PDB file of all heavy atoms in Angstrom:
ATOM      1  N   ASP A   1      30.520 -43.834  45.073  1.00  0.00           N
ATOM      2  CA  ASP A   1      29.529 -42.777  44.848  1.00  0.00           C
ATOM      3  C   ASP A   1      28.826 -42.964  43.508  1.00  0.00           C
ATOM      4  O   ASP A   1      27.608 -42.772  43.391  1.00  0.00           O
ATOM      5  CB  ASP A   1      30.207 -41.410  44.873  1.00  0.00           C
ATOM      6  CG  ASP A   1      30.603 -40.974  46.271  1.00  0.00           C
ATOM      7  OD1 ASP A   1      30.137 -41.595  47.241  1.00  0.00           O
ATOM      8  OD2 ASP A   1      31.377 -40.008  46.393  1.00  0.00           O
ATOM      9  N   HIS A   2      29.597 -43.313  42.486  1.00  0.00           N
ATOM     10  CA  HIS A   2      29.015 -43.558  41.158  1.00  0.00           C
ATOM     11  C   HIS A   2      27.943 -44.631  41.240  1.00  0.00           C
ATOM     12  O   HIS A   2      26.823 -44.449  40.734  1.00  0.00           O
ATOM     13  CB  HIS A   2      30.112 -43.991  40.184  1.00  0.00           C
ATOM     14  CG  HIS A   2      29.592 -44.501  38.881  1.00  0.00           C
ATOM     15  ND1 HIS A   2      29.452 -45.862  38.634  1.00  0.00           N
ATOM     16  CD2 HIS A   2      29.142 -43.871  37.771  1.00  0.00           C
ATOM     17  CE1 HIS A   2      28.953 -46.029  37.424  1.00  0.00           C
ATOM     18  NE2 HIS A   2      28.763 -44.850  36.883  1.00  0.00           N
ATOM     19  N   ALA A   3      28.266 -45.735  41.898  1.00  0.00           N
ATOM     20  CA  ALA A   3      27.298 -46.827  42.019  1.00  0.00           C
ATOM     21  C   ALA A   3      26.059 -46.381  42.794  1.00  0.00           C
ATOM     22  O   ALA A   3      24.922 -46.677  42.407  1.00  0.00           O
ATOM     23  CB  ALA A   3      27.950 -48.021  42.709  1.00  0.00           C
ATOM     24  N   ARG A   4      26.265 -45.644  43.882  1.00  0.00           N
ATOM     25  CA  ARG A   4      25.135 -45.193  44.704  1.00  0.00           C
ATOM     26  C   ARG A   4      24.194 -44.294  43.907  1.00  0.00           C
ATOM     27  O   ARG A   4      22.965 -44.436  43.976  1.00  0.00           O
ATOM     28  CB  ARG A   4      25.659 -44.462  45.945  1.00  0.00           C
ATOM     29  CG  ARG A   4      24.583 -43.912  46.855  1.00  0.00           C
ATOM     30  CD  ARG A   4      25.181 -43.498  48.208  1.00  0.00           C
ATOM     31  NE  ARG A   4      26.345 -42.653  48.032  1.00  0.00           N
ATOM     32  CZ  ARG A   4      26.293 -41.345  47.785  1.00  0.00           C
ATOM     33  NH1 ARG A   4      25.123 -40.746  47.669  1.00  0.00           N
ATOM     34  NH2 ARG A   4      27.398 -40.633  47.659  1.00  0.00           N
ATOM     35  N   TYR A   5      24.749 -43.375  43.117  1.00  0.00           N
ATOM     36  CA  TYR A   5      23.897 -42.491  42.319  1.00  0.00           C
ATOM     37  C   TYR A   5      23.155 -43.258  41.229  1.00  0.00           C
ATOM     38  O   TYR A   5      21.997 -42.941  40.914  1.00  0.00           O
ATOM     39  CB  TYR A   5      24.723 -41.360  41.711  1.00  0.00           C
ATOM     40  CG  TYR A   5      24.962 -40.220  42.667  1.00  0.00           C
ATOM     41  CD1 TYR A   5      26.228 -39.949  43.163  1.00  0.00           C
ATOM     42  CD2 TYR A   5      23.907 -39.420  43.090  1.00  0.00           C
ATOM     43  CE1 TYR A   5      26.447 -38.911  44.055  1.00  0.00           C
ATOM     44  CE2 TYR A   5      24.112 -38.378  43.980  1.00  0.00           C
ATOM     45  CZ  TYR A   5      25.391 -38.129  44.458  1.00  0.00           C
ATOM     46  OH  TYR A   5      25.592 -37.098  45.344  1.00  0.00           O
ATOM     47  N   VAL A   6      23.791 -44.254  40.658  1.00  0.00           N
ATOM     48  CA  VAL A   6      23.110 -45.084  39.655  1.00  0.00           C
ATOM     49  C   VAL A   6      21.927 -45.808  40.289  1.00  0.00           C
ATOM     50  O   VAL A   6      20.829 -45.873  39.710  1.00  0.00           O
ATOM     51  CB  VAL A   6      24.085 -46.095  39.024  1.00  0.00           C
ATOM     52  CG1 VAL A   6      23.326 -47.140  38.193  1.00  0.00           C
ATOM     53  CG2 VAL A   6      25.096 -45.378  38.131  1.00  0.00           C
ATOM     54  N   PHE A   7      22.122 -46.334  41.504  1.00  0.00           N
ATOM     55  CA  PHE A   7      21.039 -47.029  42.197  1.00  0.00           C
ATOM     56  C   PHE A   7      19.875 -46.071  42.496  1.00  0.00           C
ATOM     57  O   PHE A   7      18.704 -46.420  42.303  1.00  0.00           O
ATOM     58  CB  PHE A   7      21.538 -47.633  43.515  1.00  0.00           C
ATOM     59  CG  PHE A   7      22.621 -48.663  43.352  1.00  0.00           C
ATOM     60  CD1 PHE A   7      23.512 -48.928  44.384  1.00  0.00           C
ATOM     61  CD2 PHE A   7      22.766 -49.370  42.167  1.00  0.00           C
ATOM     62  CE1 PHE A   7      24.515 -49.870  44.242  1.00  0.00           C
ATOM     63  CE2 PHE A   7      23.763 -50.314  42.010  1.00  0.00           C
ATOM     64  CZ  PHE A   7      24.643 -50.575  43.059  1.00  0.00           C
ATOM     65  N   ILE A   8      20.196 -44.863  42.992  1.00  0.00           N
ATOM     66  CA  ILE A   8      19.145 -43.894  43.314  1.00  0.00           C
ATOM     67  C   ILE A   8      18.430 -43.442  42.043  1.00  0.00           C
ATOM     68  O   ILE A   8      17.211 -43.234  42.034  1.00  0.00           O
ATOM     69  CB  ILE A   8      19.728 -42.679  44.060  1.00  0.00           C
ATOM     70  CG1 ILE A   8      20.432 -43.118  45.348  1.00  0.00           C
ATOM     71  CG2 ILE A   8      18.621 -41.687  44.414  1.00  0.00           C
ATOM     72  CD1 ILE A   8      21.188 -41.994  46.042  1.00  0.00           C
ATOM     73  N   ALA A   9      19.191 -43.283  40.950  1.00  0.00           N
ATOM     74  CA  ALA A   9      18.588 -42.883  39.672  1.00  0.00           C
ATOM     75  C   ALA A   9      17.576 -43.924  39.198  1.00  0.00           C
ATOM     76  O   ALA A   9      16.505 -43.573  38.685  1.00  0.00           O
ATOM     77  CB  ALA A   9      19.676 -42.680  38.625  1.00  0.00           C
ATOM     78  N   LYS A  10      17.911 -45.196  39.354  1.00  0.00           N
ATOM     79  CA  LYS A  10      16.972 -46.258  38.965  1.00  0.00           C
ATOM     80  C   LYS A  10      15.709 -46.197  39.816  1.00  0.00           C
ATOM     81  O   LYS A  10      14.595 -46.389  39.313  1.00  0.00           O
ATOM     82  CB  LYS A  10      17.645 -47.620  39.095  1.00  0.00           C
ATOM     83  CG  LYS A  10      18.706 -47.890  38.040  1.00  0.00           C
ATOM     84  CD  LYS A  10      19.306 -49.281  38.198  1.00  0.00           C
ATOM     85  CE  LYS A  10      20.328 -49.560  37.109  1.00  0.00           C
ATOM     86  NZ  LYS A  10      20.948 -50.909  37.254  1.00  0.00           N
ATOM     87  N   SER A  11      15.886 -45.912  41.098  1.00  0.00           N
ATOM     88  CA  SER A  11      14.736 -45.780  41.986  1.00  0.00           C
ATOM     89  C   SER A  11      13.864 -44.606  41.561  1.00  0.00           C
ATOM     90  O   SER A  11      12.624 -44.707  41.542  1.00  0.00           O
ATOM     91  CB  SER A  11      15.227 -45.577  43.427  1.00  0.00           C
ATOM     92  OG  SER A  11      14.144 -45.343  44.304  1.00  0.00           O
ATOM     93  N   ALA A  12      14.495 -43.482  41.207  1.00  0.00           N
ATOM     94  CA  ALA A  12      13.741 -42.305  40.771  1.00  0.00           C
ATOM     95  C   ALA A  12      12.942 -42.605  39.504  1.00  0.00           C
ATOM     96  O   ALA A  12      11.786 -42.194  39.376  1.00  0.00           O
ATOM     97  CB  ALA A  12      14.696 -41.140  40.521  1.00  0.00           C
ATOM     98  N   LEU A  13      13.548 -43.327  38.578  1.00  0.00           N
ATOM     99  CA  LEU A  13      12.859 -43.658  37.331  1.00  0.00           C
ATOM    100  C   LEU A  13      11.669 -44.571  37.590  1.00  0.00           C
ATOM    101  O   LEU A  13      10.594 -44.395  36.999  1.00  0.00           O
ATOM    102  CB  LEU A  13      13.839 -44.321  36.356  1.00  0.00           C
ATOM    103  CG  LEU A  13      13.334 -44.504  34.921  1.00  0.00           C
ATOM    104  CD1 LEU A  13      12.982 -43.160  34.296  1.00  0.00           C
ATOM    105  CD2 LEU A  13      14.407 -45.212  34.082  1.00  0.00           C
ATOM    106  N   ARG A  14      11.841 -45.541  38.505  1.00  0.00           N
ATOM    107  CA  ARG A  14      10.733 -46.440  38.850  1.00  0.00           C
ATOM    108  C   ARG A  14       9.560 -45.664  39.458  1.00  0.00           C
ATOM    109  O   ARG A  14       8.400 -46.036  39.273  1.00  0.00           O
ATOM    110  CB  ARG A  14      11.205 -47.511  39.837  1.00  0.00           C
ATOM    111  CG  ARG A  14      12.019 -48.626  39.225  1.00  0.00           C
ATOM    112  CD  ARG A  14      12.108 -49.821  40.160  1.00  0.00           C
ATOM    113  NE  ARG A  14      12.723 -49.461  41.429  1.00  0.00           N
ATOM    114  CZ  ARG A  14      14.027 -49.539  41.677  1.00  0.00           C
ATOM    115  NH1 ARG A  14      14.854 -49.967  40.734  1.00  0.00           N
ATOM    116  NH2 ARG A  14      14.502 -49.201  42.863  1.00  0.00           N
ATOM    117  N   GLU A  15       9.882 -44.593  40.184  1.00  0.00           N
ATOM    118  CA  GLU A  15       8.839 -43.798  40.836  1.00  0.00           C
ATOM    119  C   GLU A  15       8.253 -42.733  39.905  1.00  0.00           C
ATOM    120  O   GLU A  15       7.379 -41.966  40.311  1.00  0.00           O
ATOM    121  CB  GLU A  15       9.395 -43.138  42.104  1.00  0.00           C
ATOM    122  CG  GLU A  15       9.772 -44.138  43.184  1.00  0.00           C
ATOM    123  CD  GLU A  15      10.279 -43.463  44.454  1.00  0.00           C
ATOM    124  OE1 GLU A  15       9.783 -42.369  44.777  1.00  0.00           O
ATOM    125  OE2 GLU A  15      11.174 -44.021  45.114  1.00  0.00           O
ATOM    126  N   GLY A  16       8.756 -42.685  38.669  1.00  0.00           N
ATOM    127  CA  GLY A  16       8.176 -41.775  37.689  1.00  0.00           C
ATOM    128  C   GLY A  16       8.853 -40.423  37.577  1.00  0.00           C
ATOM    129  O   GLY A  16       8.330 -39.533  36.901  1.00  0.00           O
ATOM    130  N   TYR A  17      10.024 -40.260  38.193  1.00  0.00           N
ATOM    131  CA  TYR A  17      10.730 -38.981  38.145  1.00  0.00           C
ATOM    132  C   TYR A  17      11.862 -39.062  37.115  1.00  0.00           C
ATOM    133  O   TYR A  17      13.036 -39.230  37.452  1.00  0.00           O
ATOM    134  CB  TYR A  17      11.279 -38.618  39.525  1.00  0.00           C
ATOM    135  CG  TYR A  17      10.203 -38.439  40.572  1.00  0.00           C
ATOM    136  CD1 TYR A  17       9.952 -39.424  41.520  1.00  0.00           C
ATOM    137  CD2 TYR A  17       9.435 -37.281  40.597  1.00  0.00           C
ATOM    138  CE1 TYR A  17       8.957 -39.268  42.481  1.00  0.00           C
ATOM    139  CE2 TYR A  17       8.434 -37.103  41.555  1.00  0.00           C
ATOM    140  CZ  TYR A  17       8.210 -38.100  42.492  1.00  0.00           C
ATOM    141  OH  TYR A  17       7.218 -37.936  43.440  1.00  0.00           O
ATOM    142  N   GLY A  18      11.479 -38.934  35.858  1.00  0.00           N
ATOM    143  CA  GLY A  18      12.445 -39.096  34.777  1.00  0.00           C
ATOM    144  C   GLY A  18      13.553 -38.065  34.787  1.00  0.00           C
ATOM    145  O   GLY A  18      14.721 -38.402  34.583  1.00  0.00           O
ATOM    146  N   TYR A  19      13.190 -36.789  35.028  1.00  0.00           N
ATOM    147  CA  TYR A  19      14.222 -35.747  35.025  1.00  0.00           C
ATOM    148  C   TYR A  19      15.179 -35.916  36.188  1.00  0.00           C
ATOM    149  O   TYR A  19      16.395 -35.783  36.021  1.00  0.00           O
ATOM    150  CB  TYR A  19      13.581 -34.353  35.084  1.00  0.00           C
ATOM    151  CG  TYR A  19      14.614 -33.277  35.318  1.00  0.00           C
ATOM    152  CD1 TYR A  19      15.494 -32.915  34.298  1.00  0.00           C
ATOM    153  CD2 TYR A  19      14.736 -32.652  36.554  1.00  0.00           C
ATOM    154  CE1 TYR A  19      16.469 -31.954  34.511  1.00  0.00           C
ATOM    155  CE2 TYR A  19      15.705 -31.690  36.778  1.00  0.00           C
ATOM    156  CZ  TYR A  19      16.572 -31.343  35.758  1.00  0.00           C
ATOM    157  OH  TYR A  19      17.540 -30.401  35.972  1.00  0.00           O
ATOM    158  N   VAL A  20      14.663 -36.216  37.377  1.00  0.00           N
ATOM    159  CA  VAL A  20      15.521 -36.432  38.546  1.00  0.00           C
ATOM    160  C   VAL A  20      16.451 -37.611  38.293  1.00  0.00           C
ATOM    161  O   VAL A  20      17.637 -37.579  38.647  1.00  0.00           O
ATOM    162  CB  VAL A  20      14.675 -36.667  39.814  1.00  0.00           C
ATOM    163  CG1 VAL A  20      15.564 -37.030  41.011  1.00  0.00           C
ATOM    164  CG2 VAL A  20      13.845 -35.426  40.139  1.00  0.00           C
ATOM    165  N   SER A  21      15.935 -38.657  37.650  1.00  0.00           N
ATOM    166  CA  SER A  21      16.763 -39.805  37.304  1.00  0.00           C
ATOM    167  C   SER A  21      17.897 -39.404  36.368  1.00  0.00           C
ATOM    168  O   SER A  21      19.054 -39.794  36.561  1.00  0.00           O
ATOM    169  CB  SER A  21      15.907 -40.900  36.650  1.00  0.00           C
ATOM    170  OG  SER A  21      16.703 -41.999  36.257  1.00  0.00           O
ATOM    171  N   ASP A  22      17.579 -38.608  35.346  1.00  0.00           N
ATOM    172  CA  ASP A  22      18.603 -38.139  34.403  1.00  0.00           C
ATOM    173  C   ASP A  22      19.664 -37.310  35.123  1.00  0.00           C
ATOM    174  O   ASP A  22      20.865 -37.436  34.853  1.00  0.00           O
ATOM    175  CB  ASP A  22      17.971 -37.307  33.291  1.00  0.00           C
ATOM    176  CG  ASP A  22      17.138 -38.149  32.334  1.00  0.00           C
ATOM    177  OD1 ASP A  22      17.289 -39.380  32.331  1.00  0.00           O
ATOM    178  OD2 ASP A  22      16.322 -37.554  31.590  1.00  0.00           O
ATOM    179  N   LEU A  23      19.212 -36.464  36.032  1.00  0.00           N
ATOM    180  CA  LEU A  23      20.134 -35.604  36.767  1.00  0.00           C
ATOM    181  C   LEU A  23      21.080 -36.437  37.627  1.00  0.00           C
ATOM    182  O   LEU A  23      22.291 -36.185  37.684  1.00  0.00           O
ATOM    183  CB  LEU A  23      19.328 -34.633  37.636  1.00  0.00           C
ATOM    184  CG  LEU A  23      20.079 -33.538  38.376  1.00  0.00           C
ATOM    185  CD1 LEU A  23      19.204 -32.308  38.516  1.00  0.00           C
ATOM    186  CD2 LEU A  23      20.524 -34.017  39.753  1.00  0.00           C
ATOM    187  N   LEU A  24      20.542 -37.440  38.305  1.00  0.00           N
ATOM    188  CA  LEU A  24      21.359 -38.307  39.154  1.00  0.00           C
ATOM    189  C   LEU A  24      22.350 -39.122  38.324  1.00  0.00           C
ATOM    190  O   LEU A  24      23.496 -39.341  38.741  1.00  0.00           O
ATOM    191  CB  LEU A  24      20.468 -39.230  39.979  1.00  0.00           C
ATOM    192  CG  LEU A  24      19.607 -38.529  41.045  1.00  0.00           C
ATOM    193  CD1 LEU A  24      18.579 -39.486  41.615  1.00  0.00           C
ATOM    194  CD2 LEU A  24      20.478 -37.970  42.159  1.00  0.00           C
ATOM    195  N   ASN A  25      21.913 -39.558  37.158  1.00  0.00           N
ATOM    196  CA  ASN A  25      22.833 -40.275  36.269  1.00  0.00           C
ATOM    197  C   ASN A  25      23.955 -39.370  35.784  1.00  0.00           C
ATOM    198  O   ASN A  25      25.086 -39.823  35.578  1.00  0.00           O
ATOM    199  CB  ASN A  25      22.066 -40.851  35.076  1.00  0.00           C
ATOM    200  CG  ASN A  25      21.411 -42.177  35.389  1.00  0.00           C
ATOM    201  OD1 ASN A  25      22.004 -43.035  36.054  1.00  0.00           O
ATOM    202  ND2 ASN A  25      20.190 -42.376  34.925  1.00  0.00           N
ATOM    203  N   ARG A  26      23.639 -38.077  35.612  1.00  0.00           N
ATOM    204  CA  ARG A  26      24.675 -37.131  35.208  1.00  0.00           C
ATOM    205  C   ARG A  26      25.714 -36.954  36.316  1.00  0.00           C
ATOM    206  O   ARG A  26      26.914 -36.920  36.066  1.00  0.00           O
ATOM    207  CB  ARG A  26      24.047 -35.773  34.874  1.00  0.00           C
ATOM    208  CG  ARG A  26      25.037 -34.790  34.242  1.00  0.00           C
ATOM    209  CD  ARG A  26      24.371 -33.483  33.925  1.00  0.00           C
ATOM    210  NE  ARG A  26      24.106 -32.712  35.130  1.00  0.00           N
ATOM    211  CZ  ARG A  26      23.089 -31.875  35.285  1.00  0.00           C
ATOM    212  NH1 ARG A  26      22.192 -31.739  34.326  1.00  0.00           N
ATOM    213  NH2 ARG A  26      22.941 -31.188  36.392  1.00  0.00           N
ATOM    214  N   ILE A  27      25.239 -36.877  37.563  1.00  0.00           N
ATOM    215  CA  ILE A  27      26.169 -36.790  38.685  1.00  0.00           C
ATOM    216  C   ILE A  27      27.009 -38.054  38.774  1.00  0.00           C
ATOM    217  O   ILE A  27      28.220 -38.008  39.039  1.00  0.00           O
ATOM    218  CB  ILE A  27      25.419 -36.548  40.008  1.00  0.00           C
ATOM    219  CG1 ILE A  27      24.723 -35.183  39.978  1.00  0.00           C
ATOM    220  CG2 ILE A  27      26.374 -36.622  41.197  1.00  0.00           C
ATOM    221  CD1 ILE A  27      23.901 -34.879  41.228  1.00  0.00           C
ATOM    222  N   ALA A  28      26.370 -39.209  38.528  1.00  0.00           N
ATOM    223  CA  ALA A  28      27.103 -40.479  38.534  1.00  0.00           C
ATOM    224  C   ALA A  28      28.211 -40.461  37.488  1.00  0.00           C
ATOM    225  O   ALA A  28      29.333 -40.918  37.744  1.00  0.00           O
ATOM    226  CB  ALA A  28      26.140 -41.641  38.275  1.00  0.00           C
ATOM    227  N   SER A  29      27.911 -39.920  36.310  1.00  0.00           N
ATOM    228  CA  SER A  29      28.926 -39.818  35.256  1.00  0.00           C
ATOM    229  C   SER A  29      30.069 -38.896  35.681  1.00  0.00           C
ATOM    230  O   SER A  29      31.240 -39.162  35.390  1.00  0.00           O
ATOM    231  CB  SER A  29      28.290 -39.296  33.961  1.00  0.00           C
ATOM    232  OG  SER A  29      27.349 -40.216  33.450  1.00  0.00           O
ATOM    233  N   ASN A  30      29.722 -37.806  36.383  1.00  0.00           N
ATOM    234  CA  ASN A  30      30.765 -36.919  36.908  1.00  0.00           C
ATOM    235  C   ASN A  30      31.687 -37.671  37.855  1.00  0.00           C
ATOM    236  O   ASN A  30      32.914 -37.499  37.819  1.00  0.00           O
ATOM    237  CB  ASN A  30      30.142 -35.736  37.660  1.00  0.00           C
ATOM    238  CG  ASN A  30      29.364 -34.790  36.777  1.00  0.00           C
ATOM    239  OD1 ASN A  30      28.524 -34.044  37.271  1.00  0.00           O
ATOM    240  ND2 ASN A  30      29.622 -34.813  35.477  1.00  0.00           N
ATOM    241  N   LYS A  31      31.092 -38.491  38.714  1.00  0.00           N
ATOM    242  CA  LYS A  31      31.885 -39.222  39.707  1.00  0.00           C
ATOM    243  C   LYS A  31      32.884 -40.175  39.046  1.00  0.00           C
ATOM    244  O   LYS A  31      34.048 -40.259  39.458  1.00  0.00           O
ATOM    245  CB  LYS A  31      30.957 -40.022  40.633  1.00  0.00           C
ATOM    246  CG  LYS A  31      30.055 -39.187  41.500  1.00  0.00           C
ATOM    247  CD  LYS A  31      30.831 -38.327  42.475  1.00  0.00           C
ATOM    248  CE  LYS A  31      29.920 -37.498  43.353  1.00  0.00           C
ATOM    249  NZ  LYS A  31      30.655 -36.644  44.300  1.00  0.00           N
ATOM    250  N   ILE A  32      32.439 -40.884  38.021  1.00  0.00           N
ATOM    251  CA  ILE A  32      33.348 -41.828  37.380  1.00  0.00           C
ATOM    252  C   ILE A  32      34.411 -41.086  36.580  1.00  0.00           C
ATOM    253  O   ILE A  32      35.552 -41.565  36.438  1.00  0.00           O
ATOM    254  CB  ILE A  32      32.573 -42.836  36.499  1.00  0.00           C
ATOM    255  CG1 ILE A  32      33.319 -44.186  36.426  1.00  0.00           C
ATOM    256  CG2 ILE A  32      32.306 -42.304  35.121  1.00  0.00           C
ATOM    257  CD1 ILE A  32      33.400 -44.916  37.746  1.00  0.00           C
ATOM    258  N   ALA A  33      34.082 -39.882  36.086  1.00  0.00           N
ATOM    259  CA  ALA A  33      35.088 -39.062  35.402  1.00  0.00           C
ATOM    260  C   ALA A  33      36.149 -38.591  36.396  1.00  0.00           C
ATOM    261  O   ALA A  33      37.353 -38.583  36.083  1.00  0.00           O
ATOM    262  CB  ALA A  33      34.420 -37.863  34.730  1.00  0.00           C
ATOM    263  N   HIS A  34      35.716 -38.198  37.596  1.00  0.00           N
ATOM    264  CA  HIS A  34      36.671 -37.802  38.630  1.00  0.00           C
ATOM    265  C   HIS A  34      37.552 -38.978  39.029  1.00  0.00           C
ATOM    266  O   HIS A  34      38.770 -38.832  39.207  1.00  0.00           O
ATOM    267  CB  HIS A  34      35.933 -37.281  39.863  1.00  0.00           C
ATOM    268  CG  HIS A  34      35.104 -36.063  39.605  1.00  0.00           C
ATOM    269  ND1 HIS A  34      34.139 -35.603  40.474  1.00  0.00           N
ATOM    270  CD2 HIS A  34      35.083 -35.209  38.547  1.00  0.00           C
ATOM    271  CE1 HIS A  34      33.574 -34.520  39.985  1.00  0.00           C
ATOM    272  NE2 HIS A  34      34.124 -34.266  38.807  1.00  0.00           N
TER     273      HIS A  34
END
């Protein structure tokens, strides 16, 4: 899940959605903490 969210976050950033990318990276960080 962590890897998947990191991949989607990169896609969001490429498409210009900086906040959505940050949010997805935060969820990714939650996953690796779990």
